[in-house]
Amino acid sequence: MDKYLHDVNAFLAAIYELPDKLAGVLAVMQAPIRGLTNTLIVTNVLLGCLVVTSLANVYMLWRQAKKNK
């Protein structure tokens, strides 16, 4: 019975330590994510340029096809 109580207490202690361990993991993960913020901004700007260029290309092809009819 004592071993069972010891195991239950150890399990509960591990559960109580879990938030602190998770906070430590999140703190370690946040530093690289902050470094990626500028990269994400540049990627989004380039993606926006690609979308605008693609839309302009489709419009010009549509207009050219309309003239050739």
PDB file of N, CA and C in Angstrom:
ATOM      1  N   MET A   1       0.818  -1.196   0.000  1.00  0.00           N
ATOM      2  CA  MET A   1       0.000   0.000   0.000  1.00  0.00           C
ATOM      3  C   MET A   1       0.862   1.261   0.000  1.00  0.00           C
ATOM      4  N   ASP A   2       1.984   1.186   0.740  1.00  0.00           N
ATOM      5  CA  ASP A   2       2.878   2.348   0.787  1.00  0.00           C
ATOM      6  C   ASP A   2       3.471   2.638  -0.586  1.00  0.00           C
ATOM      7  N   LYS A   3       3.802   1.579  -1.327  1.00  0.00           N
ATOM      8  CA  LYS A   3       4.356   1.765  -2.666  1.00  0.00           C
ATOM      9  C   LYS A   3       3.317   2.415  -3.569  1.00  0.00           C
ATOM     10  N   TYR A   4       2.071   1.993  -3.434  1.00  0.00           N
ATOM     11  CA  TYR A   4       0.993   2.580  -4.237  1.00  0.00           C
ATOM     12  C   TYR A   4       0.855   4.072  -3.929  1.00  0.00           C
ATOM     13  N   LEU A   5       0.840   4.438  -2.647  1.00  0.00           N
ATOM     14  CA  LEU A   5       0.735   5.845  -2.264  1.00  0.00           C
ATOM     15  C   LEU A   5       1.944   6.645  -2.744  1.00  0.00           C
ATOM     16  N   HIS A   6       3.108   6.035  -2.665  1.00  0.00           N
ATOM     17  CA  HIS A   6       4.317   6.706  -3.149  1.00  0.00           C
ATOM     18  C   HIS A   6       4.217   6.957  -4.654  1.00  0.00           C
ATOM     19  N   ASP A   7       3.743   5.955  -5.407  1.00  0.00           N
ATOM     20  CA  ASP A   7       3.590   6.111  -6.856  1.00  0.00           C
ATOM     21  C   ASP A   7       2.548   7.174  -7.199  1.00  0.00           C
ATOM     22  N   VAL A   8       1.445   7.202  -6.459  1.00  0.00           N
ATOM     23  CA  VAL A   8       0.406   8.212  -6.705  1.00  0.00           C
ATOM     24  C   VAL A   8       0.946   9.604  -6.399  1.00  0.00           C
ATOM     25  N   ASN A   9       1.681   9.738  -5.301  1.00  0.00           N
ATOM     26  CA  ASN A   9       2.271  11.038  -4.961  1.00  0.00           C
ATOM     27  C   ASN A   9       3.286  11.473  -6.009  1.00  0.00           C
ATOM     28  N   ALA A  10       4.079  10.545  -6.503  1.00  0.00           N
ATOM     29  CA  ALA A  10       5.048  10.879  -7.551  1.00  0.00           C
ATOM     30  C   ALA A  10       4.330  11.305  -8.829  1.00  0.00           C
ATOM     31  N   PHE A  11       3.241  10.621  -9.149  1.00  0.00           N
ATOM     32  CA  PHE A  11       2.454  10.973 -10.335  1.00  0.00           C
ATOM     33  C   PHE A  11       1.854  12.373 -10.197  1.00  0.00           C
ATOM     34  N   LEU A  12       1.284  12.659  -9.024  1.00  0.00           N
ATOM     35  CA  LEU A  12       0.706  13.982  -8.790  1.00  0.00           C
ATOM     36  C   LEU A  12       1.777  15.071  -8.820  1.00  0.00           C
ATOM     37  N   ALA A  13       2.945  14.781  -8.278  1.00  0.00           N
ATOM     38  CA  ALA A  13       4.037  15.758  -8.314  1.00  0.00           C
ATOM     39  C   ALA A  13       4.459  16.035  -9.755  1.00  0.00           C
ATOM     40  N   ALA A  14       4.490  14.994 -10.575  1.00  0.00           N
ATOM     41  CA  ALA A  14       4.842  15.179 -11.984  1.00  0.00           C
ATOM     42  C   ALA A  14       3.796  16.028 -12.698  1.00  0.00           C
ATOM     43  N   ILE A  15       2.530  15.829 -12.351  1.00  0.00           N
ATOM     44  CA  ILE A  15       1.460  16.633 -12.963  1.00  0.00           C
ATOM     45  C   ILE A  15       1.588  18.092 -12.527  1.00  0.00           C
ATOM     46  N   TYR A  16       1.908  18.336 -11.267  1.00  0.00           N
ATOM     47  CA  TYR A  16       2.050  19.708 -10.780  1.00  0.00           C
ATOM     48  C   TYR A  16       3.251  20.407 -11.413  1.00  0.00           C
ATOM     49  N   GLU A  17       4.289  19.665 -11.784  1.00  0.00           N
ATOM     50  CA  GLU A  17       5.472  20.250 -12.424  1.00  0.00           C
ATOM     51  C   GLU A  17       5.258  20.506 -13.913  1.00  0.00           C
ATOM     52  N   LEU A  18       4.241  19.911 -14.484  1.00  0.00           N
ATOM     53  CA  LEU A  18       4.015  19.999 -15.928  1.00  0.00           C
ATOM     54  C   LEU A  18       3.870  21.435 -16.442  1.00  0.00           C
ATOM     55  N   PRO A  19       3.091  22.318 -15.813  1.00  0.00           N
ATOM     56  CA  PRO A  19       2.989  23.690 -16.339  1.00  0.00           C
ATOM     57  C   PRO A  19       4.331  24.420 -16.388  1.00  0.00           C
ATOM     58  N   ASP A  20       5.171  24.214 -15.365  1.00  0.00           N
ATOM     59  CA  ASP A  20       6.484  24.861 -15.372  1.00  0.00           C
ATOM     60  C   ASP A  20       7.350  24.339 -16.512  1.00  0.00           C
ATOM     61  N   LYS A  21       7.289  23.044 -16.748  1.00  0.00           N
ATOM     62  CA  LYS A  21       8.070  22.466 -17.839  1.00  0.00           C
ATOM     63  C   LYS A  21       7.564  22.962 -19.189  1.00  0.00           C
ATOM     64  N   LEU A  22       6.247  23.040 -19.349  1.00  0.00           N
ATOM     65  CA  LEU A  22       5.682  23.540 -20.605  1.00  0.00           C
ATOM     66  C   LEU A  22       6.036  25.006 -20.821  1.00  0.00           C
ATOM     67  N   ALA A  23       6.032  25.798 -19.763  1.00  0.00           N
ATOM     68  CA  ALA A  23       6.409  27.207 -19.884  1.00  0.00           C
ATOM     69  C   ALA A  23       7.864  27.327 -20.323  1.00  0.00           C
ATOM     70  N   GLY A  24       8.718  26.456 -19.806  1.00  0.00           N
ATOM     71  CA  GLY A  24      10.119  26.461 -20.230  1.00  0.00           C
ATOM     72  C   GLY A  24      10.273  26.101 -21.694  1.00  0.00           C
ATOM     73  N   VAL A  25       9.521  25.119 -22.147  1.00  0.00           N
ATOM     74  CA  VAL A  25       9.573  24.720 -23.558  1.00  0.00           C
ATOM     75  C   VAL A  25       9.080  25.853 -24.444  1.00  0.00           C
ATOM     76  N   LEU A  26       7.996  26.506 -24.049  1.00  0.00           N
ATOM     77  CA  LEU A  26       7.470  27.622 -24.837  1.00  0.00           C
ATOM     78  C   LEU A  26       8.454  28.781 -24.890  1.00  0.00           C
ATOM     79  N   ALA A  27       9.142  29.043 -23.792  1.00  0.00           N
ATOM     80  CA  ALA A  27      10.135  30.119 -23.786  1.00  0.00           C
ATOM     81  C   ALA A  27      11.275  29.807 -24.745  1.00  0.00           C
ATOM     82  N   VAL A  28      11.676  28.554 -24.806  1.00  0.00           N
ATOM     83  CA  VAL A  28      12.744  28.157 -25.727  1.00  0.00           C
ATOM     84  C   VAL A  28      12.271  28.265 -27.169  1.00  0.00           C
ATOM     85  N   MET A  29      11.000  27.958 -27.422  1.00  0.00           N
ATOM     86  CA  MET A  29      10.471  27.989 -28.789  1.00  0.00           C
ATOM     87  C   MET A  29      10.208  29.410 -29.279  1.00  0.00           C
ATOM     88  N   GLN A  30       9.940  30.352 -28.395  1.00  0.00           N
ATOM     89  CA  GLN A  30       9.574  31.700 -28.815  1.00  0.00           C
ATOM     90  C   GLN A  30      10.734  32.460 -29.441  1.00  0.00           C
ATOM     91  N   ALA A  31      11.949  32.227 -29.001  1.00  0.00           N
ATOM     92  CA  ALA A  31      13.090  32.963 -29.544  1.00  0.00           C
ATOM     93  C   ALA A  31      13.273  32.712 -31.038  1.00  0.00           C
ATOM     94  N   PRO A  32      13.292  31.475 -31.518  1.00  0.00           N
ATOM     95  CA  PRO A  32      13.416  31.284 -32.965  1.00  0.00           C
ATOM     96  C   PRO A  32      12.209  31.801 -33.739  1.00  0.00           C
ATOM     97  N   ILE A  33      11.027  31.736 -33.144  1.00  0.00           N
ATOM     98  CA  ILE A  33       9.828  32.226 -33.833  1.00  0.00           C
ATOM     99  C   ILE A  33       9.907  33.736 -34.001  1.00  0.00           C
ATOM    100  N   ARG A  34      10.416  34.450 -33.014  1.00  0.00           N
ATOM    101  CA  ARG A  34      10.581  35.903 -33.145  1.00  0.00           C
ATOM    102  C   ARG A  34      11.547  36.228 -34.270  1.00  0.00           C
ATOM    103  N   GLY A  35      12.580  35.408 -34.439  1.00  0.00           N
ATOM    104  CA  GLY A  35      13.533  35.624 -35.521  1.00  0.00           C
ATOM    105  C   GLY A  35      12.919  35.401 -36.886  1.00  0.00           C
ATOM    106  N   LEU A  36      11.871  34.599 -36.965  1.00  0.00           N
ATOM    107  CA  LEU A  36      11.237  34.313 -38.251  1.00  0.00           C
ATOM    108  C   LEU A  36      10.199  35.356 -38.646  1.00  0.00           C
ATOM    109  N   THR A  37       9.904  36.295 -37.771  1.00  0.00           N
ATOM    110  CA  THR A  37       8.865  37.282 -38.068  1.00  0.00           C
ATOM    111  C   THR A  37       9.215  38.099 -39.304  1.00  0.00           C
ATOM    112  N   ASN A  38      10.455  38.595 -39.381  1.00  0.00           N
ATOM    113  CA  ASN A  38      10.857  39.389 -40.544  1.00  0.00           C
ATOM    114  C   ASN A  38      10.835  38.548 -41.811  1.00  0.00           C
ATOM    115  N   THR A  39      11.243  37.308 -41.715  1.00  0.00           N
ATOM    116  CA  THR A  39      11.216  36.423 -42.874  1.00  0.00           C
ATOM    117  C   THR A  39       9.785  36.210 -43.340  1.00  0.00           C
ATOM    118  N   LEU A  40       8.874  36.060 -42.408  1.00  0.00           N
ATOM    119  CA  LEU A  40       7.467  35.874 -42.757  1.00  0.00           C
ATOM    120  C   LEU A  40       6.899  37.116 -43.438  1.00  0.00           C
ATOM    121  N   ILE A  41       7.279  38.291 -42.965  1.00  0.00           N
ATOM    122  CA  ILE A  41       6.808  39.534 -43.587  1.00  0.00           C
ATOM    123  C   ILE A  41       7.309  39.630 -45.021  1.00  0.00           C
ATOM    124  N   VAL A  42       8.588  39.354 -45.232  1.00  0.00           N
ATOM    125  CA  VAL A  42       9.153  39.414 -46.585  1.00  0.00           C
ATOM    126  C   VAL A  42       8.487  38.387 -47.483  1.00  0.00           C
ATOM    127  N   THR A  43       8.256  37.196 -46.967  1.00  0.00           N
ATOM    128  CA  THR A  43       7.600  36.150 -47.756  1.00  0.00           C
ATOM    129  C   THR A  43       6.193  36.572 -48.155  1.00  0.00           C
ATOM    130  N   ASN A  44       5.462  37.179 -47.242  1.00  0.00           N
ATOM    131  CA  ASN A  44       4.104  37.631 -47.560  1.00  0.00           C
ATOM    132  C   ASN A  44       4.111  38.746 -48.592  1.00  0.00           C
ATOM    133  N   VAL A  45       5.081  39.657 -48.515  1.00  0.00           N
ATOM    134  CA  VAL A  45       5.178  40.728 -49.511  1.00  0.00           C
ATOM    135  C   VAL A  45       5.475  40.138 -50.883  1.00  0.00           C
ATOM    136  N   LEU A  46       6.410  39.201 -50.942  1.00  0.00           N
ATOM    137  CA  LEU A  46       6.741  38.571 -52.224  1.00  0.00           C
ATOM    138  C   LEU A  46       5.562  37.775 -52.769  1.00  0.00           C
ATOM    139  N   LEU A  47       4.832  37.112 -51.898  1.00  0.00           N
ATOM    140  CA  LEU A  47       3.646  36.377 -52.333  1.00  0.00           C
ATOM    141  C   LEU A  47       2.589  37.332 -52.875  1.00  0.00           C
ATOM    142  N   GLY A  48       2.427  38.472 -52.240  1.00  0.00           N
ATOM    143  CA  GLY A  48       1.500  39.482 -52.735  1.00  0.00           C
ATOM    144  C   GLY A  48       1.902  39.988 -54.108  1.00  0.00           C
ATOM    145  N   CYS A  49       3.203  40.217 -54.312  1.00  0.00           N
ATOM    146  CA  CYS A  49       3.689  40.642 -55.637  1.00  0.00           C
ATOM    147  C   CYS A  49       3.409  39.569 -56.678  1.00  0.00           C
ATOM    148  N   LEU A  50       3.588  38.327 -56.325  1.00  0.00           N
ATOM    149  CA  LEU A  50       3.321  37.230 -57.255  1.00  0.00           C
ATOM    150  C   LEU A  50       1.845  37.185 -57.636  1.00  0.00           C
ATOM    151  N   VAL A  51       0.968  37.367 -56.675  1.00  0.00           N
ATOM    152  CA  VAL A  51      -0.475  37.350 -56.954  1.00  0.00           C
ATOM    153  C   VAL A  51      -0.852  38.513 -57.859  1.00  0.00           C
ATOM    154  N   VAL A  52      -0.335  39.705 -57.573  1.00  0.00           N
ATOM    155  CA  VAL A  52      -0.652  40.876 -58.403  1.00  0.00           C
ATOM    156  C   VAL A  52      -0.135  40.674 -59.816  1.00  0.00           C
ATOM    157  N   THR A  53       1.081  40.162 -59.957  1.00  0.00           N
ATOM    158  CA  THR A  53       1.645  39.904 -61.284  1.00  0.00           C
ATOM    159  C   THR A  53       0.825  38.864 -62.030  1.00  0.00           C
ATOM    160  N   SER A  54       0.401  37.828 -61.345  1.00  0.00           N
ATOM    161  CA  SER A  54      -0.409  36.790 -61.989  1.00  0.00           C
ATOM    162  C   SER A  54      -1.750  37.347 -62.448  1.00  0.00           C
ATOM    163  N   LEU A  55      -2.381  38.161 -61.617  1.00  0.00           N
ATOM    164  CA  LEU A  55      -3.654  38.768 -62.008  1.00  0.00           C
ATOM    165  C   LEU A  55      -3.478  39.697 -63.202  1.00  0.00           C
ATOM    166  N   ALA A  56      -2.399  40.481 -63.218  1.00  0.00           N
ATOM    167  CA  ALA A  56      -2.141  41.366 -64.358  1.00  0.00           C
ATOM    168  C   ALA A  56      -1.908  40.552 -65.622  1.00  0.00           C
ATOM    169  N   ASN A  57      -1.203  39.449 -65.507  1.00  0.00           N
ATOM    170  CA  ASN A  57      -0.943  38.582 -66.654  1.00  0.00           C
ATOM    171  C   ASN A  57      -2.241  37.988 -67.192  1.00  0.00           C
ATOM    172  N   VAL A  58      -3.094  37.506 -66.319  1.00  0.00           N
ATOM    173  CA  VAL A  58      -4.376  36.938 -66.750  1.00  0.00           C
ATOM    174  C   VAL A  58      -5.230  38.012 -67.414  1.00  0.00           C
ATOM    175  N   TYR A  59      -5.234  39.216 -66.852  1.00  0.00           N
ATOM    176  CA  TYR A  59      -6.016  40.303 -67.445  1.00  0.00           C
ATOM    177  C   TYR A  59      -5.498  40.651 -68.838  1.00  0.00           C
ATOM    178  N   MET A  60      -4.178  40.741 -68.983  1.00  0.00           N
ATOM    179  CA  MET A  60      -3.622  41.082 -70.300  1.00  0.00           C
ATOM    180  C   MET A  60      -3.892  39.984 -71.318  1.00  0.00           C
ATOM    181  N   LEU A  61      -3.817  38.732 -70.917  1.00  0.00           N
ATOM    182  CA  LEU A  61      -4.141  37.636 -71.837  1.00  0.00           C
ATOM    183  C   LEU A  61      -5.613  37.676 -72.222  1.00  0.00           C
ATOM    184  N   TRP A  62      -6.485  37.962 -71.268  1.00  0.00           N
ATOM    185  CA  TRP A  62      -7.917  38.052 -71.558  1.00  0.00           C
ATOM    186  C   TRP A  62      -8.204  39.210 -72.512  1.00  0.00           C
ATOM    187  N   ARG A  63      -7.549  40.351 -72.270  1.00  0.00           N
ATOM    188  CA  ARG A  63      -7.755  41.519 -73.128  1.00  0.00           C
ATOM    189  C   ARG A  63      -7.235  41.266 -74.541  1.00  0.00           C
ATOM    190  N   GLN A  64      -6.096  40.588 -74.648  1.00  0.00           N
ATOM    191  CA  GLN A  64      -5.529  40.265 -75.961  1.00  0.00           C
ATOM    192  C   GLN A  64      -6.444  39.297 -76.710  1.00  0.00           C
ATOM    193  N   ALA A  65      -6.988  38.315 -76.001  1.00  0.00           N
ATOM    194  CA  ALA A  65      -7.894  37.355 -76.641  1.00  0.00           C
ATOM    195  C   ALA A  65      -9.177  38.050 -77.084  1.00  0.00           C
ATOM    196  N   LYS A  66      -9.625  39.021 -76.315  1.00  0.00           N
ATOM    197  CA  LYS A  66     -10.837  39.765 -76.663  1.00  0.00           C
ATOM    198  C   LYS A  66     -10.612  40.600 -77.927  1.00  0.00           C
ATOM    199  N   LYS A  67      -9.411  41.172 -78.103  1.00  0.00           N
ATOM    200  CA  LYS A  67      -9.092  41.973 -79.290  1.00  0.00           C
ATOM    201  C   LYS A  67      -9.001  41.113 -80.542  1.00  0.00           C
ATOM    202  N   ASN A  68      -8.533  39.882 -80.399  1.00  0.00           N
ATOM    203  CA  ASN A  68      -8.318  39.006 -81.557  1.00  0.00           C
ATOM    204  C   ASN A  68      -9.598  38.364 -82.057  1.00  0.00           C
ATOM    205  N   LYS A  69     -10.699  38.514 -81.375  1.00  0.00           N
ATOM    206  CA  LYS A  69     -11.962  37.896 -81.809  1.00  0.00           C
ATOM    207  C   LYS A  69     -12.538  38.575 -82.994  1.00  0.00           C
TER     208      LYS A  69
END
